[in-house]
């Protein structure tokens, strides 16, 4: 299972972290991968100047906005989820 951590600290909150979380949830359902993706709201990933901060599993912190969340999901999340699904 993939874990997507979305910062909900002050800077990220102001830049739309809750919209990003809702979009991740909707996209997970839309693409039928919600049983393979867990979305966690967490406090500060230490990249406040790059808000909204998102981290997939133990990967690097990346910046996502409500406007870029779909592209991020399609290019970063879906390929990883598909690799999880092919492992027995």
PDB file of N, CA and C in Angstrom:
ATOM      1  N   UNK A   1       0.840  -1.181   0.000  1.00  0.00           N
ATOM      2  CA  UNK A   1       0.000   0.000   0.000  1.00  0.00           C
ATOM      3  C   UNK A   1       0.881   1.240   0.000  1.00  0.00           C
ATOM      4  N   UNK A   2       0.498   2.212  -0.796  1.00  0.00           N
ATOM      5  CA  UNK A   2       1.198   3.486  -0.874  1.00  0.00           C
ATOM      6  C   UNK A   2       0.600   4.460   0.138  1.00  0.00           C
ATOM      7  N   UNK A   3       1.471   5.212   0.795  1.00  0.00           N
ATOM      8  CA  UNK A   3       1.015   6.254   1.704  1.00  0.00           C
ATOM      9  C   UNK A   3       1.415   7.610   1.141  1.00  0.00           C
ATOM     10  N   UNK A   4       0.420   8.465   0.965  1.00  0.00           N
ATOM     11  CA  UNK A   4       0.660   9.837   0.527  1.00  0.00           C
ATOM     12  C   UNK A   4       0.449  10.727   1.740  1.00  0.00           C
ATOM     13  N   UNK A   5       1.502  11.423   2.132  1.00  0.00           N
ATOM     14  CA  UNK A   5       1.435  12.322   3.282  1.00  0.00           C
ATOM     15  C   UNK A   5       1.318  13.752   2.769  1.00  0.00           C
ATOM     16  N   UNK A   6       0.287  14.445   3.227  1.00  0.00           N
ATOM     17  CA  UNK A   6       0.053  15.827   2.814  1.00  0.00           C
ATOM     18  C   UNK A   6       0.140  16.717   4.050  1.00  0.00           C
ATOM     19  N   UNK A   7       1.019  17.698   3.991  1.00  0.00           N
ATOM     20  CA  UNK A   7       1.181  18.622   5.108  1.00  0.00           C
ATOM     21  C   UNK A   7      -0.053  19.507   5.245  1.00  0.00           C
ATOM     22  N   UNK A   8      -0.497  19.677   6.492  1.00  0.00           N
ATOM     23  CA  UNK A   8      -1.606  20.585   6.776  1.00  0.00           C
ATOM     24  C   UNK A   8      -1.172  21.683   7.751  1.00  0.00           C
ATOM     25  N   UNK A   9       0.144  21.919   7.814  1.00  0.00           N
ATOM     26  CA  UNK A   9       0.657  23.006   8.645  1.00  0.00           C
ATOM     27  C   UNK A   9       0.193  24.354   8.104  1.00  0.00           C
ATOM     28  N   UNK A  10       0.543  25.413   8.788  1.00  0.00           N
ATOM     29  CA  UNK A  10       0.024  26.749   8.471  1.00  0.00           C
ATOM     30  C   UNK A  10       0.225  27.165   7.017  1.00  0.00           C
ATOM     31  N   UNK A  11       1.450  27.104   6.520  1.00  0.00           N
ATOM     32  CA  UNK A  11       1.725  27.543   5.147  1.00  0.00           C
ATOM     33  C   UNK A  11       0.991  26.673   4.132  1.00  0.00           C
ATOM     34  N   UNK A  12       1.009  25.373   4.355  1.00  0.00           N
ATOM     35  CA  UNK A  12       0.344  24.452   3.424  1.00  0.00           C
ATOM     36  C   UNK A  12      -1.174  24.616   3.486  1.00  0.00           C
ATOM     37  N   UNK A  13      -1.682  24.829   4.686  1.00  0.00           N
ATOM     38  CA  UNK A  13      -3.122  25.059   4.841  1.00  0.00           C
ATOM     39  C   UNK A  13      -3.553  26.281   4.035  1.00  0.00           C
ATOM     40  N   UNK A  14      -2.788  27.352   4.133  1.00  0.00           N
ATOM     41  CA  UNK A  14      -3.124  28.581   3.419  1.00  0.00           C
ATOM     42  C   UNK A  14      -3.050  28.417   1.906  1.00  0.00           C
ATOM     43  N   UNK A  15      -2.234  27.474   1.447  1.00  0.00           N
ATOM     44  CA  UNK A  15      -2.092  27.257   0.004  1.00  0.00           C
ATOM     45  C   UNK A  15      -2.979  26.138  -0.520  1.00  0.00           C
ATOM     46  N   UNK A  16      -3.870  25.598   0.319  1.00  0.00           N
ATOM     47  CA  UNK A  16      -4.876  24.666  -0.171  1.00  0.00           C
ATOM     48  C   UNK A  16      -4.649  23.199   0.111  1.00  0.00           C
ATOM     49  N   UNK A  17      -4.000  22.874   1.215  1.00  0.00           N
ATOM     50  CA  UNK A  17      -3.715  21.465   1.504  1.00  0.00           C
ATOM     51  C   UNK A  17      -4.983  20.614   1.612  1.00  0.00           C
ATOM     52  N   UNK A  18      -6.050  21.163   2.160  1.00  0.00           N
ATOM     53  CA  UNK A  18      -7.274  20.366   2.281  1.00  0.00           C
ATOM     54  C   UNK A  18      -7.890  20.101   0.911  1.00  0.00           C
ATOM     55  N   UNK A  19      -7.753  21.045  -0.012  1.00  0.00           N
ATOM     56  CA  UNK A  19      -8.210  20.803  -1.381  1.00  0.00           C
ATOM     57  C   UNK A  19      -7.370  19.720  -2.048  1.00  0.00           C
ATOM     58  N   UNK A  20      -6.072  19.719  -1.770  1.00  0.00           N
ATOM     59  CA  UNK A  20      -5.182  18.690  -2.319  1.00  0.00           C
ATOM     60  C   UNK A  20      -5.575  17.319  -1.773  1.00  0.00           C
ATOM     61  N   UNK A  21      -5.836  17.232  -0.481  1.00  0.00           N
ATOM     62  CA  UNK A  21      -6.252  15.961   0.126  1.00  0.00           C
ATOM     63  C   UNK A  21      -7.550  15.473  -0.504  1.00  0.00           C
ATOM     64  N   UNK A  22      -8.530  16.356  -0.621  1.00  0.00           N
ATOM     65  CA  UNK A  22      -9.806  15.967  -1.233  1.00  0.00           C
ATOM     66  C   UNK A  22      -9.615  15.522  -2.674  1.00  0.00           C
ATOM     67  N   UNK A  23      -8.755  16.199  -3.409  1.00  0.00           N
ATOM     68  CA  UNK A  23      -8.487  15.812  -4.795  1.00  0.00           C
ATOM     69  C   UNK A  23      -7.828  14.442  -4.864  1.00  0.00           C
ATOM     70  N   UNK A  24      -6.852  14.182  -3.985  1.00  0.00           N
ATOM     71  CA  UNK A  24      -6.223  12.859  -3.953  1.00  0.00           C
ATOM     72  C   UNK A  24      -7.266  11.772  -3.681  1.00  0.00           C
ATOM     73  N   UNK A  25      -8.180  12.033  -2.757  1.00  0.00           N
ATOM     74  CA  UNK A  25      -9.223  11.049  -2.453  1.00  0.00           C
ATOM     75  C   UNK A  25     -10.123  10.814  -3.661  1.00  0.00           C
ATOM     76  N   UNK A  26     -10.535  11.876  -4.324  1.00  0.00           N
ATOM     77  CA  UNK A  26     -11.390  11.753  -5.504  1.00  0.00           C
ATOM     78  C   UNK A  26     -10.670  11.041  -6.641  1.00  0.00           C
ATOM     79  N   UNK A  27      -9.413  11.383  -6.869  1.00  0.00           N
ATOM     80  CA  UNK A  27      -8.641  10.752  -7.938  1.00  0.00           C
ATOM     81  C   UNK A  27      -8.400   9.273  -7.653  1.00  0.00           C
ATOM     82  N   UNK A  28      -8.170   8.926  -6.398  1.00  0.00           N
ATOM     83  CA  UNK A  28      -7.992   7.516  -6.033  1.00  0.00           C
ATOM     84  C   UNK A  28      -9.236   6.711  -6.371  1.00  0.00           C
ATOM     85  N   UNK A  29     -10.388   7.278  -6.105  1.00  0.00           N
ATOM     86  CA  UNK A  29     -11.648   6.608  -6.445  1.00  0.00           C
ATOM     87  C   UNK A  29     -11.864   6.585  -7.953  1.00  0.00           C
ATOM     88  N   UNK A  30     -11.609   7.708  -8.603  1.00  0.00           N
ATOM     89  CA  UNK A  30     -11.798   7.816 -10.056  1.00  0.00           C
ATOM     90  C   UNK A  30     -10.966   6.779 -10.808  1.00  0.00           C
ATOM     91  N   UNK A  31      -9.734   6.566 -10.380  1.00  0.00           N
ATOM     92  CA  UNK A  31      -8.838   5.626 -11.051  1.00  0.00           C
ATOM     93  C   UNK A  31      -8.900   4.222 -10.454  1.00  0.00           C
ATOM     94  N   UNK A  32      -9.755   4.017  -9.472  1.00  0.00           N
ATOM     95  CA  UNK A  32      -9.961   2.691  -8.904  1.00  0.00           C
ATOM     96  C   UNK A  32      -8.791   2.143  -8.117  1.00  0.00           C
ATOM     97  N   UNK A  33      -8.041   3.017  -7.480  1.00  0.00           N
ATOM     98  CA  UNK A  33      -6.869   2.568  -6.722  1.00  0.00           C
ATOM     99  C   UNK A  33      -6.980   2.897  -5.235  1.00  0.00           C
ATOM    100  N   UNK A  34      -8.180   3.280  -4.794  1.00  0.00           N
ATOM    101  CA  UNK A  34      -8.328   3.713  -3.402  1.00  0.00           C
ATOM    102  C   UNK A  34      -7.983   2.626  -2.393  1.00  0.00           C
ATOM    103  N   UNK A  35      -8.058   1.348  -2.764  1.00  0.00           N
ATOM    104  CA  UNK A  35      -7.674   0.296  -1.822  1.00  0.00           C
ATOM    105  C   UNK A  35      -6.157   0.123  -1.746  1.00  0.00           C
ATOM    106  N   UNK A  36      -5.425   0.804  -2.636  1.00  0.00           N
ATOM    107  CA  UNK A  36      -3.962   0.717  -2.655  1.00  0.00           C
ATOM    108  C   UNK A  36      -3.285   2.005  -2.190  1.00  0.00           C
ATOM    109  N   UNK A  37      -4.091   3.037  -1.905  1.00  0.00           N
ATOM    110  CA  UNK A  37      -3.540   4.344  -1.548  1.00  0.00           C
ATOM    111  C   UNK A  37      -4.136   4.814  -0.223  1.00  0.00           C
ATOM    112  N   UNK A  38      -3.269   5.172   0.696  1.00  0.00           N
ATOM    113  CA  UNK A  38      -3.690   5.770   1.970  1.00  0.00           C
ATOM    114  C   UNK A  38      -3.238   7.224   1.963  1.00  0.00           C
ATOM    115  N   UNK A  39      -4.132   8.128   2.290  1.00  0.00           N
ATOM    116  CA  UNK A  39      -3.815   9.551   2.289  1.00  0.00           C
ATOM    117  C   UNK A  39      -3.846  10.044   3.729  1.00  0.00           C
ATOM    118  N   UNK A  40      -2.708  10.530   4.195  1.00  0.00           N
ATOM    119  CA  UNK A  40      -2.578  10.993   5.576  1.00  0.00           C
ATOM    120  C   UNK A  40      -2.340  12.497   5.619  1.00  0.00           C
ATOM    121  N   UNK A  41      -3.055  13.178   6.481  1.00  0.00           N
ATOM    122  CA  UNK A  41      -2.803  14.586   6.768  1.00  0.00           C
ATOM    123  C   UNK A  41      -1.808  14.632   7.919  1.00  0.00           C
ATOM    124  N   UNK A  42      -0.691  15.320   7.712  1.00  0.00           N
ATOM    125  CA  UNK A  42       0.345  15.394   8.744  1.00  0.00           C
ATOM    126  C   UNK A  42       0.796  16.841   8.912  1.00  0.00           C
ATOM    127  N   UNK A  43       1.510  17.097   9.997  1.00  0.00           N
ATOM    128  CA  UNK A  43       2.037  18.439  10.222  1.00  0.00           C
ATOM    129  C   UNK A  43       3.473  18.521   9.753  1.00  0.00           C
ATOM    130  N   UNK A  44       3.842  19.624   9.284  1.00  0.00           N
ATOM    131  CA  UNK A  44       5.120  20.083   8.759  1.00  0.00           C
ATOM    132  C   UNK A  44       6.099  19.015   8.265  1.00  0.00           C
ATOM    133  N   UNK A  45       6.345  19.088   6.975  1.00  0.00           N
ATOM    134  CA  UNK A  45       7.373  18.267   6.345  1.00  0.00           C
ATOM    135  C   UNK A  45       8.671  19.061   6.186  1.00  0.00           C
ATOM    136  N   UNK A  46       8.692  20.290   6.705  1.00  0.00           N
ATOM    137  CA  UNK A  46       9.904  21.098   6.702  1.00  0.00           C
ATOM    138  C   UNK A  46      10.193  21.851   5.415  1.00  0.00           C
ATOM    139  N   UNK A  47       9.235  21.933   4.542  1.00  0.00           N
ATOM    140  CA  UNK A  47       9.426  22.635   3.263  1.00  0.00           C
ATOM    141  C   UNK A  47       8.357  23.704   3.086  1.00  0.00           C
ATOM    142  N   UNK A  48       8.213  24.543   4.076  1.00  0.00           N
ATOM    143  CA  UNK A  48       7.118  25.522   4.110  1.00  0.00           C
ATOM    144  C   UNK A  48       7.132  26.484   2.929  1.00  0.00           C
ATOM    145  N   UNK A  49       8.304  26.788   2.398  1.00  0.00           N
ATOM    146  CA  UNK A  49       8.364  27.702   1.258  1.00  0.00           C
ATOM    147  C   UNK A  49       7.889  27.048  -0.026  1.00  0.00           C
ATOM    148  N   UNK A  50       7.741  25.731  -0.016  1.00  0.00           N
ATOM    149  CA  UNK A  50       7.300  24.991  -1.201  1.00  0.00           C
ATOM    150  C   UNK A  50       5.893  24.436  -1.031  1.00  0.00           C
ATOM    151  N   UNK A  51       5.111  25.023  -0.163  1.00  0.00           N
ATOM    152  CA  UNK A  51       3.776  24.505   0.158  1.00  0.00           C
ATOM    153  C   UNK A  51       2.913  24.396  -1.105  1.00  0.00           C
ATOM    154  N   UNK A  52       2.118  23.404  -1.191  1.00  0.00           N
ATOM    155  CA  UNK A  52       1.692  22.338  -0.307  1.00  0.00           C
ATOM    156  C   UNK A  52       2.701  21.192  -0.437  1.00  0.00           C
ATOM    157  N   UNK A  53       3.242  20.751   0.685  1.00  0.00           N
ATOM    158  CA  UNK A  53       4.240  19.696   0.690  1.00  0.00           C
ATOM    159  C   UNK A  53       3.578  18.329   0.736  1.00  0.00           C
ATOM    160  N   UNK A  54       4.067  17.437  -0.146  1.00  0.00           N
ATOM    161  CA  UNK A  54       3.526  16.083  -0.264  1.00  0.00           C
ATOM    162  C   UNK A  54       4.694  15.109  -0.303  1.00  0.00           C
ATOM    163  N   UNK A  55       4.518  13.975   0.357  1.00  0.00           N
ATOM    164  CA  UNK A  55       5.554  12.942   0.376  1.00  0.00           C
ATOM    165  C   UNK A  55       4.893  11.597   0.111  1.00  0.00           C
ATOM    166  N   UNK A  56       5.432  10.841  -0.840  1.00  0.00           N
ATOM    167  CA  UNK A  56       4.942   9.497  -1.131  1.00  0.00           C
ATOM    168  C   UNK A  56       5.862   8.501  -0.444  1.00  0.00           C
ATOM    169  N   UNK A  57       5.293   7.677   0.416  1.00  0.00           N
ATOM    170  CA  UNK A  57       6.056   6.700   1.194  1.00  0.00           C
ATOM    171  C   UNK A  57       7.265   7.389   1.827  1.00  0.00           C
ATOM    172  N   UNK A  58       8.471   6.890   1.565  1.00  0.00           N
ATOM    173  CA  UNK A  58       9.676   7.490   2.140  1.00  0.00           C
ATOM    174  C   UNK A  58      10.439   8.323   1.121  1.00  0.00           C
ATOM    175  N   UNK A  59       9.761   8.750   0.062  1.00  0.00           N
ATOM    176  CA  UNK A  59      10.391   9.527  -0.998  1.00  0.00           C
ATOM    177  C   UNK A  59      10.650  10.969  -0.598  1.00  0.00           C
ATOM    178  N   UNK A  60      11.072  11.742  -1.569  1.00  0.00           N
ATOM    179  CA  UNK A  60      11.366  13.159  -1.367  1.00  0.00           C
ATOM    180  C   UNK A  60      10.082  13.963  -1.222  1.00  0.00           C
ATOM    181  N   UNK A  61      10.177  15.051  -0.505  1.00  0.00           N
ATOM    182  CA  UNK A  61       9.056  15.979  -0.369  1.00  0.00           C
ATOM    183  C   UNK A  61       8.920  16.742  -1.680  1.00  0.00           C
ATOM    184  N   UNK A  62       7.693  16.822  -2.157  1.00  0.00           N
ATOM    185  CA  UNK A  62       7.425  17.518  -3.407  1.00  0.00           C
ATOM    186  C   UNK A  62       6.321  18.541  -3.202  1.00  0.00           C
ATOM    187  N   UNK A  63       6.322  19.552  -4.040  1.00  0.00           N
ATOM    188  CA  UNK A  63       5.327  20.612  -3.956  1.00  0.00           C
ATOM    189  C   UNK A  63       4.170  20.319  -4.902  1.00  0.00           C
ATOM    190  N   UNK A  64       2.949  20.401  -4.376  1.00  0.00           N
ATOM    191  CA  UNK A  64       1.736  20.168  -5.157  1.00  0.00           C
ATOM    192  C   UNK A  64       0.760  21.289  -4.819  1.00  0.00           C
ATOM    193  N   UNK A  65       0.015  21.720  -5.809  1.00  0.00           N
ATOM    194  CA  UNK A  65      -1.021  22.730  -5.568  1.00  0.00           C
ATOM    195  C   UNK A  65      -2.358  22.161  -6.018  1.00  0.00           C
ATOM    196  N   UNK A  66      -3.449  22.789  -5.630  1.00  0.00           N
ATOM    197  CA  UNK A  66      -4.742  22.313  -6.128  1.00  0.00           C
ATOM    198  C   UNK A  66      -4.788  22.274  -7.658  1.00  0.00           C
ATOM    199  N   UNK A  67      -4.050  23.163  -8.316  1.00  0.00           N
ATOM    200  CA  UNK A  67      -4.035  23.199  -9.780  1.00  0.00           C
ATOM    201  C   UNK A  67      -3.186  22.092 -10.403  1.00  0.00           C
ATOM    202  N   UNK A  68      -2.203  21.563  -9.658  1.00  0.00           N
ATOM    203  CA  UNK A  68      -1.300  20.558 -10.230  1.00  0.00           C
ATOM    204  C   UNK A  68      -1.524  19.154  -9.691  1.00  0.00           C
ATOM    205  N   UNK A  69      -2.490  18.987  -8.794  1.00  0.00           N
ATOM    206  CA  UNK A  69      -2.660  17.702  -8.119  1.00  0.00           C
ATOM    207  C   UNK A  69      -3.017  16.580  -9.097  1.00  0.00           C
ATOM    208  N   UNK A  70      -3.854  16.837 -10.099  1.00  0.00           N
ATOM    209  CA  UNK A  70      -4.214  15.783 -11.054  1.00  0.00           C
ATOM    210  C   UNK A  70      -2.974  15.310 -11.817  1.00  0.00           C
ATOM    211  N   UNK A  71      -2.174  16.232 -12.318  1.00  0.00           N
ATOM    212  CA  UNK A  71      -0.968  15.858 -13.048  1.00  0.00           C
ATOM    213  C   UNK A  71      -0.008  15.084 -12.149  1.00  0.00           C
ATOM    214  N   UNK A  72       0.159  15.526 -10.912  1.00  0.00           N
ATOM    215  CA  UNK A  72       1.013  14.826  -9.959  1.00  0.00           C
ATOM    216  C   UNK A  72       0.511  13.403  -9.743  1.00  0.00           C
ATOM    217  N   UNK A  73      -0.786  13.254  -9.574  1.00  0.00           N
ATOM    218  CA  UNK A  73      -1.370  11.938  -9.331  1.00  0.00           C
ATOM    219  C   UNK A  73      -1.120  11.009 -10.517  1.00  0.00           C
ATOM    220  N   UNK A  74      -1.360  11.508 -11.715  1.00  0.00           N
ATOM    221  CA  UNK A  74      -1.223  10.682 -12.921  1.00  0.00           C
ATOM    222  C   UNK A  74       0.236  10.330 -13.197  1.00  0.00           C
ATOM    223  N   UNK A  75       1.155  11.270 -12.974  1.00  0.00           N
ATOM    224  CA  UNK A  75       2.557  11.026 -13.321  1.00  0.00           C
ATOM    225  C   UNK A  75       3.388  10.407 -12.204  1.00  0.00           C
ATOM    226  N   UNK A  76       3.012  10.635 -10.955  1.00  0.00           N
ATOM    227  CA  UNK A  76       3.815  10.135  -9.830  1.00  0.00           C
ATOM    228  C   UNK A  76       3.142   9.002  -9.063  1.00  0.00           C
ATOM    229  N   UNK A  77       1.856   9.138  -8.809  1.00  0.00           N
ATOM    230  CA  UNK A  77       1.163   8.159  -7.965  1.00  0.00           C
ATOM    231  C   UNK A  77       0.774   6.918  -8.757  1.00  0.00           C
ATOM    232  N   UNK A  78       0.080   7.095  -9.865  1.00  0.00           N
ATOM    233  CA  UNK A  78      -0.412   5.930 -10.615  1.00  0.00           C
ATOM    234  C   UNK A  78       0.686   4.963 -11.042  1.00  0.00           C
ATOM    235  N   UNK A  79       1.821   5.433 -11.586  1.00  0.00           N
ATOM    236  CA  UNK A  79       2.870   4.471 -11.948  1.00  0.00           C
ATOM    237  C   UNK A  79       3.365   3.649 -10.760  1.00  0.00           C
ATOM    238  N   UNK A  80       3.482   4.281  -9.596  1.00  0.00           N
ATOM    239  CA  UNK A  80       3.917   3.558  -8.397  1.00  0.00           C
ATOM    240  C   UNK A  80       2.870   2.551  -7.942  1.00  0.00           C
ATOM    241  N   UNK A  81       1.617   2.951  -7.958  1.00  0.00           N
ATOM    242  CA  UNK A  81       0.542   2.043  -7.546  1.00  0.00           C
ATOM    243  C   UNK A  81       0.500   0.838  -8.473  1.00  0.00           C
ATOM    244  N   UNK A  82       0.663   1.064  -9.758  1.00  0.00           N
ATOM    245  CA  UNK A  82       0.650  -0.050 -10.712  1.00  0.00           C
ATOM    246  C   UNK A  82       1.800  -1.005 -10.451  1.00  0.00           C
ATOM    247  N   UNK A  83       2.963  -0.482 -10.031  1.00  0.00           N
ATOM    248  CA  UNK A  83       4.082  -1.372  -9.720  1.00  0.00           C
ATOM    249  C   UNK A  83       3.791  -2.187  -8.467  1.00  0.00           C
ATOM    250  N   UNK A  84       3.041  -1.631  -7.510  1.00  0.00           N
ATOM    251  CA  UNK A  84       2.637  -2.380  -6.319  1.00  0.00           C
ATOM    252  C   UNK A  84       1.669  -3.496  -6.691  1.00  0.00           C
ATOM    253  N   UNK A  85       0.784  -3.221  -7.644  1.00  0.00           N
ATOM    254  CA  UNK A  85      -0.242  -4.186  -8.018  1.00  0.00           C
ATOM    255  C   UNK A  85       0.342  -5.387  -8.750  1.00  0.00           C
ATOM    256  N   UNK A  86       1.497  -5.228  -9.414  1.00  0.00           N
ATOM    257  CA  UNK A  86       2.075  -6.333 -10.164  1.00  0.00           C
ATOM    258  C   UNK A  86       2.933  -7.249  -9.306  1.00  0.00           C
ATOM    259  N   UNK A  87       3.273  -6.801  -8.102  1.00  0.00           N
ATOM    260  CA  UNK A  87       4.067  -7.631  -7.190  1.00  0.00           C
ATOM    261  C   UNK A  87       3.133  -8.611  -6.493  1.00  0.00           C
ATOM    262  N   UNK A  88       3.457  -9.930  -6.549  1.00  0.00           N
ATOM    263  CA  UNK A  88       2.567 -10.920  -5.914  1.00  0.00           C
ATOM    264  C   UNK A  88       2.535 -10.820  -4.409  1.00  0.00           C
TER     265      UNK A  88
END
